[in-house]
Amino acid sequence: MLYLPLYDGVASLSIGVDSLSTIDQPLVDSPVRKKPVAFYGTSILQGGCAARPGMAHTNIISRRLNRECINLGFSGNALLDLEVAQIMSEVDASVFVLDFVPNASVEQMGERMETFYRIIRDKHPDTPIVFIEDPVFTHTLFDQRIDREVKRKNQTLNEIFNSLKKQGEKKIYLIHSKNMIGNDGEATVDGIHFTDLGMMRYADLVTPIIKKLMK
């Protein structure tokens, strides 16, 4: 498996092989490309600060599940733009994972979250849709403003999620972030973007849930 850069574009690519070797189509799908898992989120999801492309948590999850993961991570711009929901709805996914809270404001969630969800749901009435809370960033321990912001965002996410459940929405799930990245301060580069350890911990939390929903 060859992972291209997470941020840089590729102008050219050369692969050298032994003179007696050949490159052919694989005999098995690895990963399986049918019914991918579609992720939407922020620079964290995009893979910001992973030491190498294969350590982005969507790539870790893809390897563990042997299933293609579509990474729609937009650095600083997971703002619940409805056009993105329309594009996502074109994917015949096994699971949709919505991890926008680190970027979206409380106001944006109030204005767009339900509509964003319904655009996807209308085209995929039986596909599981997963929402993920904002990580409890390490600097919330001493930055009261960030602490209040994270709590307020997660509270808003939970309120809208519970409202959808009360309206009778099925196959929607919420992953809480309490133990997502641990409490040792080793999971982020800058208090926000994950180190490889943070990526692994995220994958440890999310993968079993997605695996169960894929069945």
N, C-alpha and C. Protein backbone atom coordinates (compact mmCIF):
# COMPACT_ATOMS: atom_id res chain seq x y z
N MET A 1 0.85 -1.19 0.00
CA MET A 1 0.00 0.00 0.00
C MET A 1 0.89 1.24 0.00
N LEU A 2 0.61 2.15 -0.91
CA LEU A 2 1.38 3.39 -1.02
C LEU A 2 0.46 4.56 -0.71
N TYR A 3 0.77 5.31 0.34
CA TYR A 3 -0.03 6.48 0.71
C TYR A 3 0.66 7.73 0.19
N LEU A 4 -0.08 8.54 -0.54
CA LEU A 4 0.45 9.81 -1.04
C LEU A 4 0.36 10.86 0.07
N PRO A 5 1.10 11.98 -0.07
CA PRO A 5 1.14 12.98 1.00
C PRO A 5 -0.24 13.49 1.40
N LEU A 6 -0.38 13.82 2.67
CA LEU A 6 -1.66 14.29 3.20
C LEU A 6 -1.96 15.73 2.81
N TYR A 7 -0.90 16.53 2.59
CA TYR A 7 -1.10 17.95 2.27
C TYR A 7 -0.49 18.33 0.93
N ASP A 8 0.72 17.88 0.65
CA ASP A 8 1.38 18.27 -0.59
C ASP A 8 0.74 17.59 -1.80
N GLY A 9 0.70 18.30 -2.93
CA GLY A 9 0.29 17.69 -4.18
C GLY A 9 1.44 16.90 -4.77
N VAL A 10 1.12 15.94 -5.63
CA VAL A 10 2.14 15.11 -6.27
C VAL A 10 2.25 15.50 -7.74
N ALA A 11 3.42 16.02 -8.12
CA ALA A 11 3.63 16.41 -9.51
C ALA A 11 4.05 15.22 -10.36
N SER A 12 4.84 14.32 -9.79
CA SER A 12 5.24 13.13 -10.53
C SER A 12 5.57 12.03 -9.53
N LEU A 13 5.49 10.79 -9.99
CA LEU A 13 5.73 9.65 -9.11
C LEU A 13 6.37 8.53 -9.93
N SER A 14 7.47 7.99 -9.43
CA SER A 14 8.13 6.87 -10.09
C SER A 14 8.31 5.74 -9.08
N ILE A 15 8.06 4.52 -9.53
CA ILE A 15 8.24 3.34 -8.68
C ILE A 15 9.21 2.40 -9.39
N GLY A 16 10.30 2.08 -8.71
CA GLY A 16 11.28 1.17 -9.30
C GLY A 16 11.03 -0.26 -8.86
N VAL A 17 11.15 -1.20 -9.77
CA VAL A 17 11.00 -2.61 -9.43
C VAL A 17 12.18 -3.40 -10.01
N ASP A 18 12.42 -4.54 -9.45
CA ASP A 18 13.47 -5.43 -9.95
C ASP A 18 13.19 -5.80 -11.40
N SER A 19 14.24 -5.97 -12.17
CA SER A 19 14.08 -6.22 -13.62
C SER A 19 13.30 -7.50 -13.91
N LEU A 20 13.28 -8.43 -12.99
CA LEU A 20 12.56 -9.69 -13.21
C LEU A 20 11.16 -9.67 -12.58
N SER A 21 10.79 -8.52 -12.01
CA SER A 21 9.49 -8.42 -11.34
C SER A 21 8.45 -7.76 -12.24
N THR A 22 7.19 -7.95 -11.91
CA THR A 22 6.09 -7.31 -12.64
C THR A 22 5.13 -6.67 -11.64
N ILE A 23 4.39 -5.69 -12.13
CA ILE A 23 3.34 -5.07 -11.33
C ILE A 23 2.00 -5.39 -12.00
N ASP A 24 1.14 -6.07 -11.28
CA ASP A 24 -0.15 -6.47 -11.83
C ASP A 24 -1.26 -6.08 -10.86
N GLN A 25 -2.50 -6.24 -11.33
CA GLN A 25 -3.64 -6.04 -10.45
C GLN A 25 -3.58 -7.07 -9.33
N PRO A 26 -3.91 -6.69 -8.09
CA PRO A 26 -3.90 -7.66 -6.99
C PRO A 26 -4.97 -8.72 -7.18
N LEU A 27 -4.71 -9.90 -6.63
CA LEU A 27 -5.67 -10.99 -6.75
C LEU A 27 -6.84 -10.82 -5.78
N VAL A 28 -6.64 -10.01 -4.74
CA VAL A 28 -7.72 -9.74 -3.78
C VAL A 28 -7.83 -8.24 -3.59
N ASP A 29 -9.02 -7.79 -3.20
CA ASP A 29 -9.21 -6.38 -2.90
C ASP A 29 -8.63 -6.07 -1.52
N SER A 30 -7.66 -5.19 -1.48
CA SER A 30 -7.06 -4.81 -0.21
C SER A 30 -6.63 -3.35 -0.28
N PRO A 31 -7.43 -2.44 0.25
CA PRO A 31 -8.68 -2.70 0.97
C PRO A 31 -9.86 -2.90 0.02
N VAL A 32 -10.95 -3.45 0.55
CA VAL A 32 -12.19 -3.59 -0.22
C VAL A 32 -12.72 -2.20 -0.52
N ARG A 33 -13.01 -1.93 -1.78
CA ARG A 33 -13.45 -0.58 -2.16
C ARG A 33 -14.97 -0.45 -2.21
N LYS A 34 -15.68 -1.59 -2.22
CA LYS A 34 -17.13 -1.53 -2.21
C LYS A 34 -17.61 -1.08 -0.85
N LYS A 35 -18.63 -0.24 -0.82
CA LYS A 35 -19.21 0.26 0.42
C LYS A 35 -18.14 0.85 1.35
N PRO A 36 -17.45 1.91 0.95
CA PRO A 36 -16.42 2.53 1.79
C PRO A 36 -17.03 3.19 3.02
N VAL A 37 -16.15 3.56 3.96
CA VAL A 37 -16.55 4.38 5.10
C VAL A 37 -16.21 5.82 4.76
N ALA A 38 -17.19 6.70 4.80
CA ALA A 38 -16.99 8.10 4.40
C ALA A 38 -16.89 8.99 5.64
N PHE A 39 -15.74 9.66 5.80
CA PHE A 39 -15.49 10.54 6.94
C PHE A 39 -15.56 12.00 6.48
N TYR A 40 -16.15 12.85 7.31
CA TYR A 40 -16.15 14.29 7.09
C TYR A 40 -15.62 14.97 8.34
N GLY A 41 -14.67 15.90 8.17
CA GLY A 41 -14.14 16.56 9.35
C GLY A 41 -13.12 17.64 9.07
N THR A 42 -12.20 17.80 10.01
CA THR A 42 -11.32 18.96 10.10
C THR A 42 -9.90 18.61 9.70
N SER A 43 -8.96 19.50 10.06
CA SER A 43 -7.54 19.23 9.80
C SER A 43 -7.06 18.02 10.60
N ILE A 44 -7.67 17.79 11.76
CA ILE A 44 -7.32 16.59 12.54
C ILE A 44 -7.65 15.35 11.73
N LEU A 45 -8.85 15.32 11.16
CA LEU A 45 -9.25 14.19 10.32
C LEU A 45 -8.38 14.10 9.07
N GLN A 46 -8.06 15.25 8.50
CA GLN A 46 -7.26 15.27 7.28
C GLN A 46 -5.91 14.58 7.50
N GLY A 47 -5.44 14.58 8.74
CA GLY A 47 -4.17 13.93 9.05
C GLY A 47 -3.09 14.89 9.50
N GLY A 48 -3.52 16.11 9.86
CA GLY A 48 -2.56 17.11 10.27
C GLY A 48 -1.65 16.62 11.38
N CYS A 49 -0.35 16.70 11.16
CA CYS A 49 0.71 16.38 12.12
C CYS A 49 0.99 14.88 12.27
N ALA A 50 0.35 14.03 11.46
CA ALA A 50 0.79 12.64 11.42
C ALA A 50 2.22 12.60 10.89
N ALA A 51 3.04 11.71 11.46
CA ALA A 51 4.46 11.66 11.08
C ALA A 51 4.63 11.19 9.64
N ARG A 52 3.71 10.37 9.18
CA ARG A 52 3.74 9.90 7.79
C ARG A 52 2.31 9.64 7.35
N PRO A 53 2.03 9.66 6.05
CA PRO A 53 0.64 9.58 5.58
C PRO A 53 -0.12 8.37 6.09
N GLY A 54 0.55 7.23 6.22
CA GLY A 54 -0.14 6.02 6.66
C GLY A 54 -0.64 6.09 8.09
N MET A 55 -0.19 7.10 8.85
CA MET A 55 -0.60 7.22 10.25
C MET A 55 -1.79 8.14 10.46
N ALA A 56 -2.34 8.71 9.40
CA ALA A 56 -3.63 9.40 9.55
C ALA A 56 -4.65 8.38 10.03
N HIS A 57 -5.50 8.75 10.97
CA HIS A 57 -6.33 7.71 11.59
C HIS A 57 -7.31 7.06 10.63
N THR A 58 -7.71 7.77 9.56
CA THR A 58 -8.57 7.10 8.58
C THR A 58 -7.81 5.99 7.86
N ASN A 59 -6.51 6.17 7.67
CA ASN A 59 -5.70 5.12 7.04
C ASN A 59 -5.47 3.95 8.00
N ILE A 60 -5.29 4.27 9.28
CA ILE A 60 -5.17 3.20 10.28
C ILE A 60 -6.47 2.38 10.31
N ILE A 61 -7.59 3.07 10.34
CA ILE A 61 -8.90 2.39 10.38
C ILE A 61 -9.11 1.57 9.12
N SER A 62 -8.71 2.11 7.97
CA SER A 62 -8.85 1.38 6.71
C SER A 62 -8.08 0.07 6.75
N ARG A 63 -6.88 0.09 7.28
CA ARG A 63 -6.09 -1.14 7.36
C ARG A 63 -6.73 -2.14 8.32
N ARG A 64 -7.23 -1.65 9.43
CA ARG A 64 -7.82 -2.55 10.42
C ARG A 64 -9.10 -3.20 9.91
N LEU A 65 -9.86 -2.47 9.11
CA LEU A 65 -11.13 -2.99 8.61
C LEU A 65 -11.02 -3.61 7.22
N ASN A 66 -9.86 -3.43 6.58
CA ASN A 66 -9.68 -3.82 5.19
C ASN A 66 -10.80 -3.24 4.32
N ARG A 67 -11.10 -1.96 4.54
CA ARG A 67 -12.16 -1.27 3.80
C ARG A 67 -11.68 0.13 3.46
N GLU A 68 -11.95 0.55 2.25
CA GLU A 68 -11.56 1.90 1.85
C GLU A 68 -12.24 2.94 2.74
N CYS A 69 -11.48 3.94 3.18
CA CYS A 69 -12.02 5.06 3.92
C CYS A 69 -11.83 6.33 3.09
N ILE A 70 -12.91 7.02 2.85
CA ILE A 70 -12.86 8.28 2.12
C ILE A 70 -12.67 9.40 3.14
N ASN A 71 -11.58 10.15 3.00
CA ASN A 71 -11.23 11.19 3.97
C ASN A 71 -11.59 12.56 3.41
N LEU A 72 -12.69 13.11 3.90
CA LEU A 72 -13.08 14.47 3.53
C LEU A 72 -12.77 15.39 4.71
N GLY A 73 -11.47 15.53 4.98
CA GLY A 73 -11.01 16.42 6.03
C GLY A 73 -10.61 17.76 5.43
N PHE A 74 -11.21 18.84 5.92
CA PHE A 74 -10.97 20.18 5.39
C PHE A 74 -10.35 21.05 6.47
N SER A 75 -9.10 21.39 6.31
CA SER A 75 -8.36 22.11 7.34
C SER A 75 -9.03 23.44 7.68
N GLY A 76 -9.57 23.52 8.88
CA GLY A 76 -10.21 24.75 9.34
C GLY A 76 -11.55 25.04 8.71
N ASN A 77 -12.07 24.11 7.90
CA ASN A 77 -13.27 24.43 7.13
C ASN A 77 -14.35 23.36 7.18
N ALA A 78 -14.39 22.58 8.25
CA ALA A 78 -15.51 21.65 8.44
C ALA A 78 -16.65 22.43 9.08
N LEU A 79 -17.29 23.27 8.28
CA LEU A 79 -18.27 24.23 8.77
C LEU A 79 -19.69 23.85 8.39
N LEU A 80 -19.89 22.54 8.10
CA LEU A 80 -21.21 22.02 7.76
C LEU A 80 -21.78 22.67 6.50
N ASP A 81 -20.92 22.95 5.53
CA ASP A 81 -21.40 23.47 4.26
C ASP A 81 -22.27 22.42 3.59
N LEU A 82 -23.47 22.82 3.20
CA LEU A 82 -24.45 21.86 2.71
C LEU A 82 -24.05 21.25 1.37
N GLU A 83 -23.22 21.98 0.62
CA GLU A 83 -22.73 21.41 -0.65
C GLU A 83 -21.90 20.16 -0.41
N VAL A 84 -21.16 20.13 0.70
CA VAL A 84 -20.35 18.95 1.03
C VAL A 84 -21.27 17.77 1.34
N ALA A 85 -22.35 18.03 2.06
CA ALA A 85 -23.32 16.96 2.36
C ALA A 85 -23.90 16.39 1.07
N GLN A 86 -24.16 17.25 0.10
CA GLN A 86 -24.71 16.77 -1.17
C GLN A 86 -23.71 15.88 -1.90
N ILE A 87 -22.43 16.25 -1.85
CA ILE A 87 -21.39 15.42 -2.48
C ILE A 87 -21.25 14.10 -1.72
N MET A 88 -21.24 14.16 -0.39
CA MET A 88 -21.14 12.94 0.40
C MET A 88 -22.30 11.99 0.12
N SER A 89 -23.46 12.54 -0.10
CA SER A 89 -24.64 11.70 -0.32
C SER A 89 -24.56 10.90 -1.61
N GLU A 90 -23.63 11.26 -2.49
CA GLU A 90 -23.44 10.51 -3.73
C GLU A 90 -22.63 9.23 -3.51
N VAL A 91 -22.01 9.10 -2.32
CA VAL A 91 -21.18 7.93 -2.01
C VAL A 91 -22.06 6.81 -1.47
N ASP A 92 -21.91 5.63 -2.02
CA ASP A 92 -22.64 4.45 -1.52
C ASP A 92 -21.84 3.86 -0.36
N ALA A 93 -21.90 4.51 0.77
CA ALA A 93 -21.06 4.17 1.92
C ALA A 93 -21.71 3.10 2.79
N SER A 94 -20.85 2.39 3.54
CA SER A 94 -21.36 1.47 4.55
C SER A 94 -21.68 2.20 5.84
N VAL A 95 -20.90 3.27 6.11
CA VAL A 95 -21.09 4.11 7.30
C VAL A 95 -20.65 5.53 6.94
N PHE A 96 -21.38 6.52 7.42
CA PHE A 96 -20.96 7.92 7.33
C PHE A 96 -20.52 8.37 8.72
N VAL A 97 -19.33 9.00 8.79
CA VAL A 97 -18.81 9.47 10.07
C VAL A 97 -18.64 10.99 9.99
N LEU A 98 -19.33 11.71 10.87
CA LEU A 98 -19.33 13.18 10.84
C LEU A 98 -18.58 13.69 12.07
N ASP A 99 -17.40 14.27 11.82
CA ASP A 99 -16.49 14.68 12.90
C ASP A 99 -16.10 16.15 12.69
N PHE A 100 -17.11 17.02 12.71
CA PHE A 100 -16.93 18.43 12.35
C PHE A 100 -16.80 19.36 13.54
N VAL A 101 -17.05 18.87 14.76
CA VAL A 101 -17.22 19.77 15.91
C VAL A 101 -15.99 20.63 16.21
N PRO A 102 -14.75 20.16 16.00
CA PRO A 102 -13.61 21.05 16.28
C PRO A 102 -13.62 22.35 15.46
N ASN A 103 -14.27 22.35 14.30
CA ASN A 103 -14.31 23.55 13.46
C ASN A 103 -15.63 24.31 13.57
N ALA A 104 -16.73 23.61 13.54
CA ALA A 104 -18.04 24.26 13.48
C ALA A 104 -18.35 24.96 14.80
N SER A 105 -18.94 26.14 14.69
CA SER A 105 -19.34 26.88 15.89
C SER A 105 -20.69 26.39 16.37
N VAL A 106 -21.04 26.77 17.59
CA VAL A 106 -22.35 26.44 18.13
C VAL A 106 -23.44 26.97 17.22
N GLU A 107 -23.25 28.18 16.72
CA GLU A 107 -24.26 28.79 15.84
C GLU A 107 -24.39 28.02 14.53
N GLN A 108 -23.26 27.62 13.97
CA GLN A 108 -23.31 26.86 12.72
C GLN A 108 -23.97 25.50 12.91
N MET A 109 -23.70 24.87 14.05
CA MET A 109 -24.37 23.59 14.31
C MET A 109 -25.88 23.79 14.43
N GLY A 110 -26.28 24.85 15.11
CA GLY A 110 -27.70 25.12 15.25
C GLY A 110 -28.38 25.40 13.92
N GLU A 111 -27.66 26.06 13.03
CA GLU A 111 -28.23 26.44 11.74
C GLU A 111 -28.22 25.30 10.72
N ARG A 112 -27.17 24.47 10.73
CA ARG A 112 -26.94 23.58 9.59
C ARG A 112 -26.88 22.09 9.90
N MET A 113 -26.64 21.72 11.16
CA MET A 113 -26.34 20.31 11.45
C MET A 113 -27.47 19.39 11.03
N GLU A 114 -28.69 19.72 11.39
CA GLU A 114 -29.81 18.84 11.05
C GLU A 114 -30.02 18.77 9.54
N THR A 115 -29.91 19.92 8.87
CA THR A 115 -30.07 19.92 7.42
C THR A 115 -28.97 19.12 6.75
N PHE A 116 -27.73 19.28 7.22
CA PHE A 116 -26.59 18.51 6.70
C PHE A 116 -26.88 17.02 6.84
N TYR A 117 -27.34 16.62 8.01
CA TYR A 117 -27.67 15.21 8.25
C TYR A 117 -28.77 14.73 7.31
N ARG A 118 -29.81 15.52 7.15
CA ARG A 118 -30.96 15.06 6.37
C ARG A 118 -30.65 14.95 4.87
N ILE A 119 -29.74 15.76 4.39
CA ILE A 119 -29.32 15.64 2.98
C ILE A 119 -28.74 14.24 2.74
N ILE A 120 -27.92 13.78 3.68
CA ILE A 120 -27.33 12.44 3.56
C ILE A 120 -28.39 11.38 3.82
N ARG A 121 -29.19 11.57 4.86
CA ARG A 121 -30.19 10.57 5.24
C ARG A 121 -31.24 10.35 4.14
N ASP A 122 -31.64 11.41 3.46
CA ASP A 122 -32.67 11.28 2.43
C ASP A 122 -32.25 10.32 1.32
N LYS A 123 -30.95 10.29 1.01
CA LYS A 123 -30.46 9.39 -0.04
C LYS A 123 -30.04 8.03 0.50
N HIS A 124 -29.84 7.96 1.81
CA HIS A 124 -29.36 6.71 2.43
C HIS A 124 -30.18 6.43 3.69
N PRO A 125 -31.43 6.03 3.52
CA PRO A 125 -32.32 5.87 4.67
C PRO A 125 -31.90 4.79 5.66
N ASP A 126 -31.09 3.83 5.23
CA ASP A 126 -30.74 2.71 6.11
C ASP A 126 -29.26 2.66 6.49
N THR A 127 -28.49 3.66 6.09
CA THR A 127 -27.05 3.65 6.36
C THR A 127 -26.74 4.28 7.71
N PRO A 128 -25.94 3.63 8.55
CA PRO A 128 -25.57 4.23 9.84
C PRO A 128 -24.84 5.55 9.65
N ILE A 129 -25.19 6.53 10.48
CA ILE A 129 -24.52 7.83 10.48
C ILE A 129 -24.02 8.09 11.89
N VAL A 130 -22.72 8.36 12.01
CA VAL A 130 -22.07 8.50 13.31
C VAL A 130 -21.63 9.94 13.50
N PHE A 131 -21.95 10.51 14.66
CA PHE A 131 -21.46 11.83 15.05
C PHE A 131 -20.39 11.64 16.12
N ILE A 132 -19.36 12.50 16.10
CA ILE A 132 -18.28 12.40 17.07
C ILE A 132 -18.11 13.74 17.78
N GLU A 133 -17.99 13.68 19.11
CA GLU A 133 -17.81 14.89 19.91
C GLU A 133 -16.45 15.54 19.67
N ASP A 134 -16.35 16.79 20.07
CA ASP A 134 -15.08 17.51 20.07
C ASP A 134 -14.13 16.84 21.06
N PRO A 135 -12.88 16.61 20.68
CA PRO A 135 -11.93 16.06 21.66
C PRO A 135 -11.79 16.99 22.87
N VAL A 136 -11.53 16.40 24.03
CA VAL A 136 -11.23 17.20 25.22
C VAL A 136 -9.74 17.51 25.16
N PHE A 137 -9.41 18.63 24.54
CA PHE A 137 -8.02 18.99 24.29
C PHE A 137 -7.25 19.20 25.59
N THR A 138 -5.95 18.92 25.53
CA THR A 138 -5.14 18.96 26.74
C THR A 138 -5.11 20.34 27.39
N HIS A 139 -5.17 21.41 26.60
CA HIS A 139 -5.05 22.74 27.19
C HIS A 139 -6.36 23.23 27.81
N THR A 140 -7.42 22.41 27.76
CA THR A 140 -8.63 22.79 28.50
C THR A 140 -8.39 22.75 30.01
N LEU A 141 -7.31 22.08 30.42
CA LEU A 141 -6.98 22.00 31.84
C LEU A 141 -6.63 23.36 32.43
N PHE A 142 -6.07 24.24 31.59
CA PHE A 142 -5.65 25.55 32.11
C PHE A 142 -6.19 26.72 31.30
N ASP A 143 -6.85 26.46 30.18
CA ASP A 143 -7.45 27.52 29.38
C ASP A 143 -8.96 27.44 29.55
N GLN A 144 -9.50 28.27 30.42
CA GLN A 144 -10.92 28.19 30.74
C GLN A 144 -11.81 28.54 29.56
N ARG A 145 -11.32 29.43 28.69
CA ARG A 145 -12.13 29.79 27.53
C ARG A 145 -12.31 28.59 26.61
N ILE A 146 -11.22 27.87 26.34
CA ILE A 146 -11.30 26.69 25.49
C ILE A 146 -12.14 25.61 26.16
N ASP A 147 -11.98 25.46 27.46
CA ASP A 147 -12.75 24.47 28.21
C ASP A 147 -14.24 24.74 28.06
N ARG A 148 -14.64 25.99 28.21
CA ARG A 148 -16.06 26.34 28.06
C ARG A 148 -16.52 26.10 26.63
N GLU A 149 -15.68 26.43 25.66
CA GLU A 149 -16.05 26.27 24.26
C GLU A 149 -16.26 24.81 23.90
N VAL A 150 -15.34 23.94 24.33
CA VAL A 150 -15.48 22.51 24.04
C VAL A 150 -16.75 21.96 24.67
N LYS A 151 -16.99 22.31 25.94
CA LYS A 151 -18.19 21.81 26.62
C LYS A 151 -19.46 22.31 25.95
N ARG A 152 -19.45 23.58 25.53
CA ARG A 152 -20.64 24.16 24.89
C ARG A 152 -20.90 23.51 23.53
N LYS A 153 -19.83 23.26 22.79
CA LYS A 153 -20.00 22.61 21.49
C LYS A 153 -20.53 21.19 21.65
N ASN A 154 -19.96 20.45 22.58
CA ASN A 154 -20.41 19.07 22.78
C ASN A 154 -21.83 19.02 23.32
N GLN A 155 -22.17 19.99 24.15
CA GLN A 155 -23.54 20.06 24.66
C GLN A 155 -24.52 20.31 23.50
N THR A 156 -24.14 21.20 22.59
CA THR A 156 -24.99 21.50 21.43
C THR A 156 -25.14 20.28 20.54
N LEU A 157 -24.02 19.58 20.28
CA LEU A 157 -24.08 18.36 19.48
C LEU A 157 -25.04 17.36 20.11
N ASN A 158 -24.92 17.16 21.41
CA ASN A 158 -25.78 16.19 22.10
C ASN A 158 -27.24 16.61 22.05
N GLU A 159 -27.51 17.90 22.19
CA GLU A 159 -28.89 18.38 22.15
C GLU A 159 -29.52 18.13 20.78
N ILE A 160 -28.79 18.43 19.72
CA ILE A 160 -29.34 18.23 18.38
C ILE A 160 -29.47 16.74 18.07
N PHE A 161 -28.48 15.94 18.49
CA PHE A 161 -28.55 14.50 18.31
C PHE A 161 -29.77 13.92 19.02
N ASN A 162 -29.99 14.32 20.28
CA ASN A 162 -31.13 13.82 21.03
C ASN A 162 -32.46 14.27 20.42
N SER A 163 -32.46 15.46 19.85
CA SER A 163 -33.65 15.95 19.16
C SER A 163 -33.97 15.06 17.95
N LEU A 164 -32.94 14.68 17.21
CA LEU A 164 -33.15 13.78 16.06
C LEU A 164 -33.70 12.44 16.52
N LYS A 165 -33.16 11.92 17.63
CA LYS A 165 -33.65 10.65 18.16
C LYS A 165 -35.12 10.77 18.56
N LYS A 166 -35.50 11.88 19.20
CA LYS A 166 -36.88 12.07 19.62
C LYS A 166 -37.82 12.20 18.43
N GLN A 167 -37.27 12.68 17.30
CA GLN A 167 -38.07 12.78 16.08
C GLN A 167 -38.22 11.42 15.38
N GLY A 168 -37.60 10.39 15.95
CA GLY A 168 -37.76 9.06 15.40
C GLY A 168 -36.67 8.62 14.45
N GLU A 169 -35.57 9.38 14.40
CA GLU A 169 -34.48 9.01 13.51
C GLU A 169 -33.79 7.73 14.01
N LYS A 170 -33.56 6.82 13.08
CA LYS A 170 -32.93 5.54 13.40
C LYS A 170 -31.52 5.48 12.83
N LYS A 171 -30.75 4.55 13.35
CA LYS A 171 -29.40 4.29 12.85
C LYS A 171 -28.51 5.53 12.89
N ILE A 172 -28.63 6.31 13.96
CA ILE A 172 -27.71 7.41 14.22
C ILE A 172 -27.02 7.12 15.55
N TYR A 173 -25.75 7.47 15.61
CA TYR A 173 -24.92 7.09 16.76
C TYR A 173 -24.03 8.26 17.14
N LEU A 174 -23.70 8.32 18.42
CA LEU A 174 -22.86 9.40 18.93
C LEU A 174 -21.70 8.80 19.71
N ILE A 175 -20.47 9.17 19.32
CA ILE A 175 -19.28 8.71 20.03
C ILE A 175 -18.80 9.83 20.94
N HIS A 176 -18.74 9.53 22.24
CA HIS A 176 -18.29 10.52 23.21
C HIS A 176 -16.76 10.57 23.24
N SER A 177 -16.23 11.73 23.53
CA SER A 177 -14.78 11.94 23.41
C SER A 177 -14.05 11.95 24.74
N LYS A 178 -14.71 11.56 25.81
CA LYS A 178 -14.12 11.66 27.14
C LYS A 178 -12.74 11.02 27.22
N ASN A 179 -12.59 9.82 26.71
CA ASN A 179 -11.31 9.11 26.78
C ASN A 179 -10.67 8.94 25.40
N MET A 180 -11.01 9.83 24.48
CA MET A 180 -10.54 9.68 23.11
C MET A 180 -9.02 9.72 23.00
N ILE A 181 -8.38 10.70 23.63
CA ILE A 181 -6.93 10.88 23.43
C ILE A 181 -6.13 10.69 24.71
N GLY A 182 -6.76 10.23 25.77
CA GLY A 182 -6.04 9.98 27.01
C GLY A 182 -5.82 11.25 27.82
N ASN A 183 -5.17 11.09 28.96
CA ASN A 183 -4.97 12.22 29.88
C ASN A 183 -3.50 12.50 30.19
N ASP A 184 -2.60 11.94 29.37
CA ASP A 184 -1.18 12.08 29.67
C ASP A 184 -0.50 13.22 28.91
N GLY A 185 -1.25 13.92 28.06
CA GLY A 185 -0.68 15.03 27.31
C GLY A 185 0.20 14.62 26.14
N GLU A 186 0.24 13.33 25.83
CA GLU A 186 1.13 12.84 24.78
C GLU A 186 0.44 12.70 23.42
N ALA A 187 -0.86 12.99 23.36
CA ALA A 187 -1.63 12.66 22.16
C ALA A 187 -1.71 13.78 21.13
N THR A 188 -1.20 14.98 21.47
CA THR A 188 -1.26 16.08 20.51
C THR A 188 0.10 16.73 20.34
N VAL A 189 0.26 17.38 19.20
CA VAL A 189 1.48 18.15 18.90
C VAL A 189 1.42 19.53 19.56
N ASP A 190 0.24 20.14 19.48
CA ASP A 190 0.08 21.54 19.87
C ASP A 190 -1.12 21.76 20.77
N GLY A 191 -1.60 20.69 21.38
CA GLY A 191 -2.81 20.79 22.19
C GLY A 191 -4.07 20.49 21.39
N ILE A 192 -3.95 20.43 20.06
CA ILE A 192 -5.13 20.20 19.20
C ILE A 192 -4.88 19.06 18.23
N HIS A 193 -3.87 19.19 17.37
CA HIS A 193 -3.65 18.20 16.31
C HIS A 193 -2.93 16.97 16.86
N PHE A 194 -3.38 15.82 16.43
CA PHE A 194 -2.92 14.58 17.04
C PHE A 194 -1.51 14.19 16.61
N THR A 195 -0.76 13.67 17.56
CA THR A 195 0.46 12.93 17.24
C THR A 195 0.05 11.56 16.71
N ASP A 196 1.03 10.75 16.29
CA ASP A 196 0.71 9.39 15.87
C ASP A 196 0.01 8.62 16.99
N LEU A 197 0.41 8.88 18.23
CA LEU A 197 -0.23 8.23 19.38
C LEU A 197 -1.70 8.64 19.47
N GLY A 198 -1.96 9.93 19.27
CA GLY A 198 -3.34 10.41 19.28
C GLY A 198 -4.16 9.77 18.17
N MET A 199 -3.55 9.63 16.98
CA MET A 199 -4.23 8.97 15.86
C MET A 199 -4.59 7.53 16.22
N MET A 200 -3.65 6.84 16.85
CA MET A 200 -3.89 5.45 17.24
C MET A 200 -5.02 5.36 18.27
N ARG A 201 -5.01 6.27 19.24
CA ARG A 201 -6.05 6.24 20.26
C ARG A 201 -7.42 6.53 19.67
N TYR A 202 -7.48 7.47 18.73
CA TYR A 202 -8.74 7.75 18.03
C TYR A 202 -9.21 6.50 17.30
N ALA A 203 -8.30 5.85 16.59
CA ALA A 203 -8.65 4.64 15.85
C ALA A 203 -9.10 3.54 16.81
N ASP A 204 -8.45 3.42 17.96
CA ASP A 204 -8.84 2.41 18.95
C ASP A 204 -10.27 2.63 19.41
N LEU A 205 -10.67 3.90 19.55
CA LEU A 205 -12.02 4.22 20.01
C LEU A 205 -13.07 3.99 18.93
N VAL A 206 -12.75 4.41 17.72
CA VAL A 206 -13.76 4.47 16.65
C VAL A 206 -13.90 3.15 15.90
N THR A 207 -12.79 2.44 15.68
CA THR A 207 -12.81 1.26 14.81
C THR A 207 -13.82 0.20 15.26
N PRO A 208 -13.86 -0.19 16.54
CA PRO A 208 -14.82 -1.24 16.92
C PRO A 208 -16.27 -0.85 16.65
N ILE A 209 -16.59 0.42 16.80
CA ILE A 209 -17.96 0.88 16.57
C ILE A 209 -18.29 0.81 15.09
N ILE A 210 -17.37 1.29 14.24
CA ILE A 210 -17.61 1.23 12.80
C ILE A 210 -17.70 -0.23 12.33
N LYS A 211 -16.84 -1.07 12.84
CA LYS A 211 -16.85 -2.49 12.46
C LYS A 211 -18.20 -3.13 12.76
N LYS A 212 -18.74 -2.82 13.92
CA LYS A 212 -20.04 -3.37 14.31
C LYS A 212 -21.14 -2.85 13.39
N LEU A 213 -21.09 -1.56 13.06
CA LEU A 213 -22.13 -0.95 12.22
C LEU A 213 -22.04 -1.46 10.78
N MET A 214 -20.84 -1.77 10.31
CA MET A 214 -20.70 -2.28 8.94
C MET A 214 -21.42 -3.60 8.74
N LYS A 215 -21.59 -4.35 9.81
CA LYS A 215 -22.26 -5.64 9.72
C LYS A 215 -23.78 -5.50 9.66
